[in-house]
Every structure is written in structure tokens, then in C-alpha cells.
Amino acid sequence: MSLEKHDLIHEMPESKEAIHNLKTSDNHFAKMFDEYHDVDHAVHRIETGAENTSDERLENLKKQRLNLKDQLTAMVREYEAAAAS
């Protein structure tokens, strides 16, 4: 079991500037970013034993985190592609 946090900046360090720009200019991205952070924090608390829950809830949180990460990553890549052209 991995106990590392999966915050988006550490997952995509090469896109730090794009993430910052999107957070400050795109309300939808900012909301999803905050939700991703909250879910990641909840998973981390469960994995470190600070909070107890069922295996099913943990798996659902991990799936939610992955879904949010996929959406955020797609938005970052789209932003970077548009900025490069």
C-alpha cells in the first residue's frame, strides 16, 4: 500500500505553471482541483490510519481520485497544447 500523497503538482511537476494558470483563470478547473485535493487528503488519512473506513469506501475514493486526475490532466494537456500553438 502506497502512503504517498498524490497532489497534482507532484504528479505533474512539468505542468506547474499551467496548473497555476488554470487554477486562477478557470473556475471549473479550480473547483475540480480542490475536489481532487480533498479526495486525495481523505485517501491519505485512511491509508495512514488516521481515519478508519471500509475497504469499499477506500476503493471508491481512489476511483474518484483517479477520475478527477484524468479529467484534470486532460484539461492541463489541452491548455498546454493551446499555449504552444
C-alpha atoms as a PDB file:
ATOM      1  CA  MET A   1       0.000   0.000   0.000  1.00  0.00           C
ATOM      2  CA  SER A   2       1.400   3.341  -1.050  1.00  0.00           C
ATOM      3  CA  LEU A   3       1.305   6.014   1.630  1.00  0.00           C
ATOM      4  CA  GLU A   4       2.485   8.867  -0.543  1.00  0.00           C
ATOM      5  CA  LYS A   5       0.209  11.758  -1.293  1.00  0.00           C
ATOM      6  CA  HIS A   6      -0.795  12.250  -4.896  1.00  0.00           C
ATOM      7  CA  ASP A   7      -1.213  16.003  -5.116  1.00  0.00           C
ATOM      8  CA  LEU A   8      -1.412  17.191  -8.719  1.00  0.00           C
ATOM      9  CA  ILE A   9       1.672  19.426  -8.626  1.00  0.00           C
ATOM     10  CA  HIS A  10       3.860  16.470  -7.599  1.00  0.00           C
ATOM     11  CA  GLU A  11       2.161  14.196 -10.121  1.00  0.00           C
ATOM     12  CA  MET A  12       2.784  16.710 -12.943  1.00  0.00           C
ATOM     13  CA  PRO A  13       5.777  18.869 -11.951  1.00  0.00           C
ATOM     14  CA  GLU A  14       6.452  19.813 -15.576  1.00  0.00           C
ATOM     15  CA  SER A  15       2.996  21.420 -15.735  1.00  0.00           C
ATOM     16  CA  LYS A  16       3.229  23.512 -12.572  1.00  0.00           C
ATOM     17  CA  GLU A  17       2.802  26.817 -14.410  1.00  0.00           C
ATOM     18  CA  ALA A  18      -0.136  25.556 -16.486  1.00  0.00           C
ATOM     19  CA  ILE A  19      -1.854  24.221 -13.356  1.00  0.00           C
ATOM     20  CA  HIS A  20      -1.378  27.570 -11.608  1.00  0.00           C
ATOM     21  CA  ASN A  21      -2.732  29.485 -14.619  1.00  0.00           C
ATOM     22  CA  LEU A  22      -5.760  27.218 -14.889  1.00  0.00           C
ATOM     23  CA  LYS A  23      -6.472  27.440 -11.146  1.00  0.00           C
ATOM     24  CA  THR A  24      -6.546  31.224 -11.335  1.00  0.00           C
ATOM     25  CA  SER A  25      -8.398  31.608 -14.642  1.00  0.00           C
ATOM     26  CA  ASP A  26     -10.796  28.648 -14.924  1.00  0.00           C
ATOM     27  CA  ASN A  27     -13.402  28.245 -12.177  1.00  0.00           C
ATOM     28  CA  HIS A  28     -14.341  24.721 -13.291  1.00  0.00           C
ATOM     29  CA  PHE A  29     -10.702  23.605 -13.158  1.00  0.00           C
ATOM     30  CA  ALA A  30     -10.219  25.274  -9.762  1.00  0.00           C
ATOM     31  CA  LYS A  31     -13.281  23.510  -8.340  1.00  0.00           C
ATOM     32  CA  MET A  32     -12.159  20.125  -9.671  1.00  0.00           C
ATOM     33  CA  PHE A  33      -8.615  20.780  -8.402  1.00  0.00           C
ATOM     34  CA  ASP A  34      -9.948  21.461  -4.895  1.00  0.00           C
ATOM     35  CA  GLU A  35     -12.142  18.346  -5.036  1.00  0.00           C
ATOM     36  CA  TYR A  36      -9.137  16.262  -6.150  1.00  0.00           C
ATOM     37  CA  HIS A  37      -7.095  17.649  -3.251  1.00  0.00           C
ATOM     38  CA  ASP A  38      -9.880  16.851  -0.760  1.00  0.00           C
ATOM     39  CA  VAL A  39     -10.288  13.289  -2.029  1.00  0.00           C
ATOM     40  CA  ASP A  40      -6.519  12.729  -2.064  1.00  0.00           C
ATOM     41  CA  HIS A  41      -6.318  14.005   1.522  1.00  0.00           C
ATOM     42  CA  ALA A  42      -9.123  11.639   2.586  1.00  0.00           C
ATOM     43  CA  VAL A  43      -7.354   8.663   0.978  1.00  0.00           C
ATOM     44  CA  HIS A  44      -4.083   9.615   2.645  1.00  0.00           C
ATOM     45  CA  ARG A  45      -5.754   9.869   6.066  1.00  0.00           C
ATOM     46  CA  ILE A  46      -7.286   6.414   5.652  1.00  0.00           C
ATOM     47  CA  GLU A  47      -4.057   4.842   4.411  1.00  0.00           C
ATOM     48  CA  THR A  48      -2.035   6.273   7.299  1.00  0.00           C
ATOM     49  CA  GLY A  49      -4.568   5.030   9.852  1.00  0.00           C
ATOM     50  CA  ALA A  50      -5.681   8.489  10.962  1.00  0.00           C
ATOM     51  CA  GLU A  51      -9.206   7.575   9.881  1.00  0.00           C
ATOM     52  CA  ASN A  52     -10.960   4.214   9.641  1.00  0.00           C
ATOM     53  CA  THR A  53     -13.398   3.193   6.941  1.00  0.00           C
ATOM     54  CA  SER A  54     -14.470   0.204   4.908  1.00  0.00           C
ATOM     55  CA  ASP A  55     -12.352  -1.167   2.088  1.00  0.00           C
ATOM     56  CA  GLU A  56     -15.220  -0.393  -0.269  1.00  0.00           C
ATOM     57  CA  ARG A  57     -15.218   3.310   0.685  1.00  0.00           C
ATOM     58  CA  LEU A  58     -11.442   3.499   0.263  1.00  0.00           C
ATOM     59  CA  GLU A  59     -11.659   1.902  -3.180  1.00  0.00           C
ATOM     60  CA  ASN A  60     -14.452   4.294  -4.183  1.00  0.00           C
ATOM     61  CA  LEU A  61     -12.372   7.282  -3.058  1.00  0.00           C
ATOM     62  CA  LYS A  62      -9.383   6.004  -5.044  1.00  0.00           C
ATOM     63  CA  LYS A  63     -11.563   5.602  -8.148  1.00  0.00           C
ATOM     64  CA  GLN A  64     -12.935   9.117  -7.654  1.00  0.00           C
ATOM     65  CA  ARG A  65      -9.387  10.471  -7.272  1.00  0.00           C
ATOM     66  CA  LEU A  66      -8.271   8.712 -10.458  1.00  0.00           C
ATOM     67  CA  ASN A  67     -11.279  10.001 -12.402  1.00  0.00           C
ATOM     68  CA  LEU A  68     -10.622  13.570 -11.251  1.00  0.00           C
ATOM     69  CA  LYS A  69      -6.913  13.229 -12.041  1.00  0.00           C
ATOM     70  CA  ASP A  70      -7.714  12.002 -15.565  1.00  0.00           C
ATOM     71  CA  GLN A  71     -10.036  14.965 -16.165  1.00  0.00           C
ATOM     72  CA  LEU A  72      -7.586  17.490 -14.715  1.00  0.00           C
ATOM     73  CA  THR A  73      -4.692  16.019 -16.689  1.00  0.00           C
ATOM     74  CA  ALA A  74      -6.696  16.276 -19.907  1.00  0.00           C
ATOM     75  CA  MET A  75      -7.513  19.916 -19.150  1.00  0.00           C
ATOM     76  CA  VAL A  76      -3.848  20.709 -18.427  1.00  0.00           C
ATOM     77  CA  ARG A  77      -2.680  18.988 -21.633  1.00  0.00           C
ATOM     78  CA  GLU A  78      -5.303  20.854 -23.659  1.00  0.00           C
ATOM     79  CA  TYR A  79      -4.222  24.161 -22.101  1.00  0.00           C
ATOM     80  CA  GLU A  80      -0.554  23.427 -22.795  1.00  0.00           C
ATOM     81  CA  ALA A  81      -1.288  22.459 -26.415  1.00  0.00           C
ATOM     82  CA  ALA A  82      -3.249  25.679 -26.957  1.00  0.00           C
ATOM     83  CA  ALA A  83      -0.491  27.743 -25.363  1.00  0.00           C
ATOM     84  CA  ALA A  84       2.129  26.116 -27.604  1.00  0.00           C
ATOM     85  CA  SER A  85       0.255  26.949 -30.801  1.00  0.00           C
END
